[in-house]
Amino acid sequence: MNVRYHKDFIRQYKKYRTLQSRVHERIILFMANPSHPMLGNHALTGKYQGYRSINITGDYRAVYELLDKNTALFTDLDTHSNLYK
């Protein structure tokens, strides 16, 4: 899986310095196997209709959109409560 990053995702990534190594680990895992059980990859609804989410930690999520069958655009990185309020 190829991965691209939206400017908003990059901004959030820089903001959460303590999470950067975990985000990097999860993205590498996602690139190797997007369906890996550790990621909790699932479709979203509501304002994120058409997007999917993976778990970074127990509370942090990375939201992405599939651009095509081999490319994902990561758009948001934040806590569960901030993303889905």
PDB file of N, CA and C in Angstrom:
ATOM      1  N   MET A   1       0.861  -1.180   0.000  1.00  0.00           N
ATOM      2  CA  MET A   1       0.000   0.000   0.000  1.00  0.00           C
ATOM      3  C   MET A   1       0.903   1.238   0.000  1.00  0.00           C
ATOM      4  N   ASN A   2       0.621   2.156  -0.895  1.00  0.00           N
ATOM      5  CA  ASN A   2       1.315   3.438  -0.926  1.00  0.00           C
ATOM      6  C   ASN A   2       0.582   4.413  -0.006  1.00  0.00           C
ATOM      7  N   VAL A   3       1.333   5.290   0.626  1.00  0.00           N
ATOM      8  CA  VAL A   3       0.756   6.223   1.585  1.00  0.00           C
ATOM      9  C   VAL A   3       1.160   7.644   1.235  1.00  0.00           C
ATOM     10  N   ARG A   4       0.180   8.533   1.311  1.00  0.00           N
ATOM     11  CA  ARG A   4       0.411   9.982   1.156  1.00  0.00           C
ATOM     12  C   ARG A   4      -0.158  10.667   2.386  1.00  0.00           C
ATOM     13  N   TYR A   5       0.293  11.904   2.620  1.00  0.00           N
ATOM     14  CA  TYR A   5      -0.133  12.630   3.813  1.00  0.00           C
ATOM     15  C   TYR A   5      -0.666  14.006   3.450  1.00  0.00           C
ATOM     16  N   HIS A   6      -1.839  14.320   3.950  1.00  0.00           N
ATOM     17  CA  HIS A   6      -2.443  15.642   3.797  1.00  0.00           C
ATOM     18  C   HIS A   6      -1.712  16.607   4.732  1.00  0.00           C
ATOM     19  N   LYS A   7      -1.691  17.886   4.413  1.00  0.00           N
ATOM     20  CA  LYS A   7      -1.008  18.881   5.250  1.00  0.00           C
ATOM     21  C   LYS A   7      -1.574  18.919   6.669  1.00  0.00           C
ATOM     22  N   ASP A   8      -2.868  18.663   6.834  1.00  0.00           N
ATOM     23  CA  ASP A   8      -3.463  18.642   8.177  1.00  0.00           C
ATOM     24  C   ASP A   8      -2.918  17.472   9.002  1.00  0.00           C
ATOM     25  N   PHE A   9      -2.732  16.331   8.359  1.00  0.00           N
ATOM     26  CA  PHE A   9      -2.162  15.177   9.055  1.00  0.00           C
ATOM     27  C   PHE A   9      -0.731  15.488   9.492  1.00  0.00           C
ATOM     28  N   ILE A  10       0.044  16.078   8.622  1.00  0.00           N
ATOM     29  CA  ILE A  10       1.433  16.419   8.939  1.00  0.00           C
ATOM     30  C   ILE A  10       1.492  17.403  10.101  1.00  0.00           C
ATOM     31  N   ARG A  11       0.607  18.380  10.109  1.00  0.00           N
ATOM     32  CA  ARG A  11       0.553  19.358  11.195  1.00  0.00           C
ATOM     33  C   ARG A  11       0.261  18.663  12.525  1.00  0.00           C
ATOM     34  N   GLN A  12      -0.717  17.775  12.537  1.00  0.00           N
ATOM     35  CA  GLN A  12      -1.062  17.042  13.756  1.00  0.00           C
ATOM     36  C   GLN A  12       0.090  16.123  14.184  1.00  0.00           C
ATOM     37  N   TYR A  13       0.730  15.480  13.224  1.00  0.00           N
ATOM     38  CA  TYR A  13       1.871  14.599  13.511  1.00  0.00           C
ATOM     39  C   TYR A  13       2.974  15.374  14.224  1.00  0.00           C
ATOM     40  N   LYS A  14       3.270  16.567  13.744  1.00  0.00           N
ATOM     41  CA  LYS A  14       4.303  17.399  14.376  1.00  0.00           C
ATOM     42  C   LYS A  14       3.881  17.851  15.768  1.00  0.00           C
ATOM     43  N   LYS A  15       2.608  18.079  15.962  1.00  0.00           N
ATOM     44  CA  LYS A  15       2.074  18.531  17.249  1.00  0.00           C
ATOM     45  C   LYS A  15       2.220  17.458  18.326  1.00  0.00           C
ATOM     46  N   TYR A  16       1.972  16.212  17.953  1.00  0.00           N
ATOM     47  CA  TYR A  16       2.010  15.108  18.915  1.00  0.00           C
ATOM     48  C   TYR A  16       3.369  14.413  18.881  1.00  0.00           C
ATOM     49  N   ARG A  17       4.382  15.099  19.393  1.00  0.00           N
ATOM     50  CA  ARG A  17       5.755  14.584  19.341  1.00  0.00           C
ATOM     51  C   ARG A  17       5.902  13.234  20.034  1.00  0.00           C
ATOM     52  N   THR A  18       5.202  13.039  21.146  1.00  0.00           N
ATOM     53  CA  THR A  18       5.349  11.790  21.893  1.00  0.00           C
ATOM     54  C   THR A  18       4.741  10.599  21.156  1.00  0.00           C
ATOM     55  N   LEU A  19       3.894  10.858  20.185  1.00  0.00           N
ATOM     56  CA  LEU A  19       3.248   9.782  19.420  1.00  0.00           C
ATOM     57  C   LEU A  19       3.969   9.432  18.126  1.00  0.00           C
ATOM     58  N   GLN A  20       4.948  10.211  17.736  1.00  0.00           N
ATOM     59  CA  GLN A  20       5.527  10.067  16.407  1.00  0.00           C
ATOM     60  C   GLN A  20       6.082   8.676  16.131  1.00  0.00           C
ATOM     61  N   SER A  21       6.761   8.071  17.106  1.00  0.00           N
ATOM     62  CA  SER A  21       7.295   6.735  16.853  1.00  0.00           C
ATOM     63  C   SER A  21       6.162   5.721  16.695  1.00  0.00           C
ATOM     64  N   ARG A  22       5.104   5.854  17.483  1.00  0.00           N
ATOM     65  CA  ARG A  22       3.964   4.932  17.388  1.00  0.00           C
ATOM     66  C   ARG A  22       3.252   5.117  16.052  1.00  0.00           C
ATOM     67  N   VAL A  23       3.074   6.365  15.621  1.00  0.00           N
ATOM     68  CA  VAL A  23       2.429   6.629  14.327  1.00  0.00           C
ATOM     69  C   VAL A  23       3.252   5.986  13.217  1.00  0.00           C
ATOM     70  N   HIS A  24       4.557   6.183  13.282  1.00  0.00           N
ATOM     71  CA  HIS A  24       5.442   5.617  12.263  1.00  0.00           C
ATOM     72  C   HIS A  24       5.314   4.086  12.229  1.00  0.00           C
ATOM     73  N   GLU A  25       5.319   3.444  13.397  1.00  0.00           N
ATOM     74  CA  GLU A  25       5.177   1.985  13.462  1.00  0.00           C
ATOM     75  C   GLU A  25       3.866   1.520  12.826  1.00  0.00           C
ATOM     76  N   ARG A  26       2.778   2.216  13.153  1.00  0.00           N
ATOM     77  CA  ARG A  26       1.468   1.811  12.644  1.00  0.00           C
ATOM     78  C   ARG A  26       1.344   2.041  11.144  1.00  0.00           C
ATOM     79  N   ILE A  27       1.940   3.107  10.641  1.00  0.00           N
ATOM     80  CA  ILE A  27       1.897   3.365   9.196  1.00  0.00           C
ATOM     81  C   ILE A  27       2.683   2.282   8.450  1.00  0.00           C
ATOM     82  N   ILE A  28       3.844   1.898   8.996  1.00  0.00           N
ATOM     83  CA  ILE A  28       4.634   0.824   8.379  1.00  0.00           C
ATOM     84  C   ILE A  28       3.824  -0.476   8.364  1.00  0.00           C
ATOM     85  N   LEU A  29       3.170  -0.784   9.474  1.00  0.00           N
ATOM     86  CA  LEU A  29       2.321  -1.969   9.553  1.00  0.00           C
ATOM     87  C   LEU A  29       1.173  -1.874   8.546  1.00  0.00           C
ATOM     88  N   PHE A  30       0.564  -0.697   8.443  1.00  0.00           N
ATOM     89  CA  PHE A  30      -0.523  -0.462   7.489  1.00  0.00           C
ATOM     90  C   PHE A  30      -0.046  -0.689   6.051  1.00  0.00           C
ATOM     91  N   MET A  31       1.139  -0.200   5.730  1.00  0.00           N
ATOM     92  CA  MET A  31       1.665  -0.355   4.374  1.00  0.00           C
ATOM     93  C   MET A  31       1.885  -1.830   4.032  1.00  0.00           C
ATOM     94  N   ALA A  32       2.297  -2.621   5.020  1.00  0.00           N
ATOM     95  CA  ALA A  32       2.541  -4.041   4.797  1.00  0.00           C
ATOM     96  C   ALA A  32       1.240  -4.840   4.752  1.00  0.00           C
ATOM     97  N   ASN A  33       0.277  -4.470   5.634  1.00  0.00           N
ATOM     98  CA  ASN A  33      -0.969  -5.219   5.719  1.00  0.00           C
ATOM     99  C   ASN A  33      -2.060  -4.319   6.304  1.00  0.00           C
ATOM    100  N   PRO A  34      -2.823  -3.628   5.470  1.00  0.00           N
ATOM    101  CA  PRO A  34      -3.863  -2.721   5.957  1.00  0.00           C
ATOM    102  C   PRO A  34      -4.930  -3.397   6.816  1.00  0.00           C
ATOM    103  N   SER A  35      -5.051  -4.701   6.714  1.00  0.00           N
ATOM    104  CA  SER A  35      -6.073  -5.426   7.472  1.00  0.00           C
ATOM    105  C   SER A  35      -5.533  -6.053   8.760  1.00  0.00           C
ATOM    106  N   HIS A  36      -4.320  -5.733   9.138  1.00  0.00           N
ATOM    107  CA  HIS A  36      -3.738  -6.327  10.345  1.00  0.00           C
ATOM    108  C   HIS A  36      -4.638  -6.030  11.549  1.00  0.00           C
ATOM    109  N   PRO A  37      -4.924  -7.034  12.378  1.00  0.00           N
ATOM    110  CA  PRO A  37      -5.837  -6.847  13.509  1.00  0.00           C
ATOM    111  C   PRO A  37      -5.414  -5.751  14.497  1.00  0.00           C
ATOM    112  N   MET A  38      -4.127  -5.504  14.649  1.00  0.00           N
ATOM    113  CA  MET A  38      -3.662  -4.461  15.575  1.00  0.00           C
ATOM    114  C   MET A  38      -4.131  -3.072  15.162  1.00  0.00           C
ATOM    115  N   LEU A  39      -4.410  -2.890  13.893  1.00  0.00           N
ATOM    116  CA  LEU A  39      -4.795  -1.573  13.391  1.00  0.00           C
ATOM    117  C   LEU A  39      -6.263  -1.248  13.639  1.00  0.00           C
ATOM    118  N   GLY A  40      -7.083  -2.241  13.794  1.00  0.00           N
ATOM    119  CA  GLY A  40      -8.513  -1.988  13.978  1.00  0.00           C
ATOM    120  C   GLY A  40      -9.096  -1.178  12.829  1.00  0.00           C
ATOM    121  N   ASN A  41      -8.661  -1.448  11.634  1.00  0.00           N
ATOM    122  CA  ASN A  41      -9.061  -0.707  10.440  1.00  0.00           C
ATOM    123  C   ASN A  41     -10.571  -0.850  10.219  1.00  0.00           C
ATOM    124  N   HIS A  42     -11.256   0.290  10.134  1.00  0.00           N
ATOM    125  CA  HIS A  42     -12.713   0.238   9.954  1.00  0.00           C
ATOM    126  C   HIS A  42     -13.217   1.465   9.199  1.00  0.00           C
ATOM    127  N   ALA A  43     -14.356   1.291   8.537  1.00  0.00           N
ATOM    128  CA  ALA A  43     -15.003   2.373   7.796  1.00  0.00           C
ATOM    129  C   ALA A  43     -15.669   3.337   8.772  1.00  0.00           C
ATOM    130  N   LEU A  44     -15.762   4.597   8.372  1.00  0.00           N
ATOM    131  CA  LEU A  44     -16.373   5.625   9.205  1.00  0.00           C
ATOM    132  C   LEU A  44     -17.692   6.093   8.606  1.00  0.00           C
ATOM    133  N   THR A  45     -18.479   6.753   9.432  1.00  0.00           N
ATOM    134  CA  THR A  45     -19.777   7.278   8.989  1.00  0.00           C
ATOM    135  C   THR A  45     -19.860   8.757   9.364  1.00  0.00           C
ATOM    136  N   GLY A  46     -20.997   9.358   9.102  1.00  0.00           N
ATOM    137  CA  GLY A  46     -21.204  10.766   9.443  1.00  0.00           C
ATOM    138  C   GLY A  46     -20.354  11.681   8.594  1.00  0.00           C
ATOM    139  N   LYS A  47     -19.708  12.658   9.238  1.00  0.00           N
ATOM    140  CA  LYS A  47     -18.902  13.624   8.487  1.00  0.00           C
ATOM    141  C   LYS A  47     -17.691  12.971   7.822  1.00  0.00           C
ATOM    142  N   TYR A  48     -17.337  11.769   8.259  1.00  0.00           N
ATOM    143  CA  TYR A  48     -16.218  11.030   7.671  1.00  0.00           C
ATOM    144  C   TYR A  48     -16.687   9.900   6.752  1.00  0.00           C
ATOM    145  N   GLN A  49     -17.890   9.996   6.238  1.00  0.00           N
ATOM    146  CA  GLN A  49     -18.408   9.000   5.293  1.00  0.00           C
ATOM    147  C   GLN A  49     -17.417   8.849   4.138  1.00  0.00           C
ATOM    148  N   GLY A  50     -17.044   7.633   3.813  1.00  0.00           N
ATOM    149  CA  GLY A  50     -16.100   7.385   2.722  1.00  0.00           C
ATOM    150  C   GLY A  50     -14.655   7.295   3.191  1.00  0.00           C
ATOM    151  N   TYR A  51     -14.399   7.565   4.470  1.00  0.00           N
ATOM    152  CA  TYR A  51     -13.063   7.489   5.045  1.00  0.00           C
ATOM    153  C   TYR A  51     -12.971   6.247   5.916  1.00  0.00           C
ATOM    154  N   ARG A  52     -11.743   5.915   6.291  1.00  0.00           N
ATOM    155  CA  ARG A  52     -11.492   4.795   7.185  1.00  0.00           C
ATOM    156  C   ARG A  52     -10.556   5.274   8.297  1.00  0.00           C
ATOM    157  N   SER A  53     -10.442   4.477   9.345  1.00  0.00           N
ATOM    158  CA  SER A  53      -9.630   4.844  10.494  1.00  0.00           C
ATOM    159  C   SER A  53      -8.816   3.652  10.954  1.00  0.00           C
ATOM    160  N   ILE A  54      -7.593   3.940  11.452  1.00  0.00           N
ATOM    161  CA  ILE A  54      -6.784   2.912  12.110  1.00  0.00           C
ATOM    162  C   ILE A  54      -6.428   3.400  13.508  1.00  0.00           C
ATOM    163  N   ASN A  55      -6.197   2.458  14.410  1.00  0.00           N
ATOM    164  CA  ASN A  55      -5.801   2.784  15.773  1.00  0.00           C
ATOM    165  C   ASN A  55      -4.301   3.056  15.837  1.00  0.00           C
ATOM    166  N   ILE A  56      -3.949   4.147  16.503  1.00  0.00           N
ATOM    167  CA  ILE A  56      -2.546   4.440  16.772  1.00  0.00           C
ATOM    168  C   ILE A  56      -2.227   4.011  18.202  1.00  0.00           C
ATOM    169  N   THR A  57      -3.054   4.431  19.143  1.00  0.00           N
ATOM    170  CA  THR A  57      -3.002   3.974  20.536  1.00  0.00           C
ATOM    171  C   THR A  57      -4.438   3.667  20.933  1.00  0.00           C
ATOM    172  N   GLY A  58      -4.660   3.451  22.221  1.00  0.00           N
ATOM    173  CA  GLY A  58      -6.010   3.202  22.684  1.00  0.00           C
ATOM    174  C   GLY A  58      -6.957   4.349  22.391  1.00  0.00           C
ATOM    175  N   ASP A  59      -6.439   5.579  22.367  1.00  0.00           N
ATOM    176  CA  ASP A  59      -7.298   6.747  22.169  1.00  0.00           C
ATOM    177  C   ASP A  59      -7.042   7.499  20.865  1.00  0.00           C
ATOM    178  N   TYR A  60      -5.870   7.371  20.286  1.00  0.00           N
ATOM    179  CA  TYR A  60      -5.538   8.125  19.069  1.00  0.00           C
ATOM    180  C   TYR A  60      -5.848   7.331  17.817  1.00  0.00           C
ATOM    181  N   ARG A  61      -6.381   8.044  16.825  1.00  0.00           N
ATOM    182  CA  ARG A  61      -6.765   7.446  15.551  1.00  0.00           C
ATOM    183  C   ARG A  61      -6.139   8.231  14.397  1.00  0.00           C
ATOM    184  N   ALA A  62      -5.861   7.526  13.313  1.00  0.00           N
ATOM    185  CA  ALA A  62      -5.431   8.144  12.061  1.00  0.00           C
ATOM    186  C   ALA A  62      -6.517   7.863  11.040  1.00  0.00           C
ATOM    187  N   VAL A  63      -7.011   8.911  10.411  1.00  0.00           N
ATOM    188  CA  VAL A  63      -8.088   8.812   9.430  1.00  0.00           C
ATOM    189  C   VAL A  63      -7.479   8.905   8.040  1.00  0.00           C
ATOM    190  N   TYR A  64      -7.956   8.049   7.148  1.00  0.00           N
ATOM    191  CA  TYR A  64      -7.447   8.073   5.780  1.00  0.00           C
ATOM    192  C   TYR A  64      -8.566   7.835   4.777  1.00  0.00           C
ATOM    193  N   GLU A  65      -8.239   8.177   3.547  1.00  0.00           N
ATOM    194  CA  GLU A  65      -9.143   7.985   2.412  1.00  0.00           C
ATOM    195  C   GLU A  65      -8.394   7.180   1.364  1.00  0.00           C
ATOM    196  N   LEU A  66      -9.051   6.187   0.796  1.00  0.00           N
ATOM    197  CA  LEU A  66      -8.436   5.439  -0.299  1.00  0.00           C
ATOM    198  C   LEU A  66      -8.572   6.239  -1.582  1.00  0.00           C
ATOM    199  N   LEU A  67      -7.439   6.558  -2.189  1.00  0.00           N
ATOM    200  CA  LEU A  67      -7.454   7.279  -3.463  1.00  0.00           C
ATOM    201  C   LEU A  67      -7.649   6.313  -4.621  1.00  0.00           C
ATOM    202  N   ASP A  68      -7.073   5.142  -4.500  1.00  0.00           N
ATOM    203  CA  ASP A  68      -7.283   4.032  -5.416  1.00  0.00           C
ATOM    204  C   ASP A  68      -6.968   2.759  -4.639  1.00  0.00           C
ATOM    205  N   LYS A  69      -6.983   1.623  -5.274  1.00  0.00           N
ATOM    206  CA  LYS A  69      -6.843   0.371  -4.524  1.00  0.00           C
ATOM    207  C   LYS A  69      -5.462   0.199  -3.892  1.00  0.00           C
ATOM    208  N   ASN A  70      -4.473   0.988  -4.309  1.00  0.00           N
ATOM    209  CA  ASN A  70      -3.117   0.861  -3.780  1.00  0.00           C
ATOM    210  C   ASN A  70      -2.590   2.122  -3.099  1.00  0.00           C
ATOM    211  N   THR A  71      -3.413   3.157  -2.939  1.00  0.00           N
ATOM    212  CA  THR A  71      -2.938   4.419  -2.374  1.00  0.00           C
ATOM    213  C   THR A  71      -3.911   4.955  -1.327  1.00  0.00           C
ATOM    214  N   ALA A  72      -3.371   5.263  -0.150  1.00  0.00           N
ATOM    215  CA  ALA A  72      -4.163   5.847   0.938  1.00  0.00           C
ATOM    216  C   ALA A  72      -3.632   7.248   1.244  1.00  0.00           C
ATOM    217  N   LEU A  73      -4.561   8.178   1.461  1.00  0.00           N
ATOM    218  CA  LEU A  73      -4.214   9.546   1.846  1.00  0.00           C
ATOM    219  C   LEU A  73      -4.618   9.738   3.301  1.00  0.00           C
ATOM    220  N   PHE A  74      -3.640   9.851   4.199  1.00  0.00           N
ATOM    221  CA  PHE A  74      -3.934  10.092   5.604  1.00  0.00           C
ATOM    222  C   PHE A  74      -4.256  11.570   5.783  1.00  0.00           C
ATOM    223  N   THR A  75      -5.426  11.849   6.364  1.00  0.00           N
ATOM    224  CA  THR A  75      -5.935  13.218   6.432  1.00  0.00           C
ATOM    225  C   THR A  75      -5.986  13.796   7.835  1.00  0.00           C
ATOM    226  N   ASP A  76      -6.216  12.966   8.855  1.00  0.00           N
ATOM    227  CA  ASP A  76      -6.374  13.457  10.225  1.00  0.00           C
ATOM    228  C   ASP A  76      -5.700  12.526  11.207  1.00  0.00           C
ATOM    229  N   LEU A  77      -5.223  13.130  12.299  1.00  0.00           N
ATOM    230  CA  LEU A  77      -4.625  12.396  13.408  1.00  0.00           C
ATOM    231  C   LEU A  77      -5.024  13.117  14.678  1.00  0.00           C
ATOM    232  N   ASP A  78      -5.769  12.421  15.536  1.00  0.00           N
ATOM    233  CA  ASP A  78      -6.223  13.062  16.781  1.00  0.00           C
ATOM    234  C   ASP A  78      -6.815  12.009  17.694  1.00  0.00           C
ATOM    235  N   THR A  79      -7.304  12.474  18.847  1.00  0.00           N
ATOM    236  CA  THR A  79      -7.954  11.556  19.766  1.00  0.00           C
ATOM    237  C   THR A  79      -9.322  11.163  19.212  1.00  0.00           C
ATOM    238  N   HIS A  80      -9.802  10.053  19.693  1.00  0.00           N
ATOM    239  CA  HIS A  80     -11.115   9.559  19.276  1.00  0.00           C
ATOM    240  C   HIS A  80     -12.182  10.623  19.525  1.00  0.00           C
ATOM    241  N   SER A  81     -12.174  11.202  20.722  1.00  0.00           N
ATOM    242  CA  SER A  81     -13.214  12.183  21.071  1.00  0.00           C
ATOM    243  C   SER A  81     -13.121  13.461  20.239  1.00  0.00           C
ATOM    244  N   ASN A  82     -11.926  13.909  19.897  1.00  0.00           N
ATOM    245  CA  ASN A  82     -11.790  15.109  19.077  1.00  0.00           C
ATOM    246  C   ASN A  82     -12.217  14.873  17.628  1.00  0.00           C
ATOM    247  N   LEU A  83     -11.927  13.713  17.107  1.00  0.00           N
ATOM    248  CA  LEU A  83     -12.279  13.427  15.721  1.00  0.00           C
ATOM    249  C   LEU A  83     -13.769  13.223  15.526  1.00  0.00           C
ATOM    250  N   TYR A  84     -14.417  12.547  16.469  1.00  0.00           N
ATOM    251  CA  TYR A  84     -15.781  12.104  16.248  1.00  0.00           C
ATOM    252  C   TYR A  84     -16.819  12.861  17.066  1.00  0.00           C
ATOM    253  N   LYS A  85     -16.527  14.116  17.405  1.00  0.00           N
ATOM    254  CA  LYS A  85     -17.531  14.893  18.176  1.00  0.00           C
ATOM    255  C   LYS A  85     -18.523  15.552  17.263  1.00  0.00           C
TER     256      LYS A  85
END
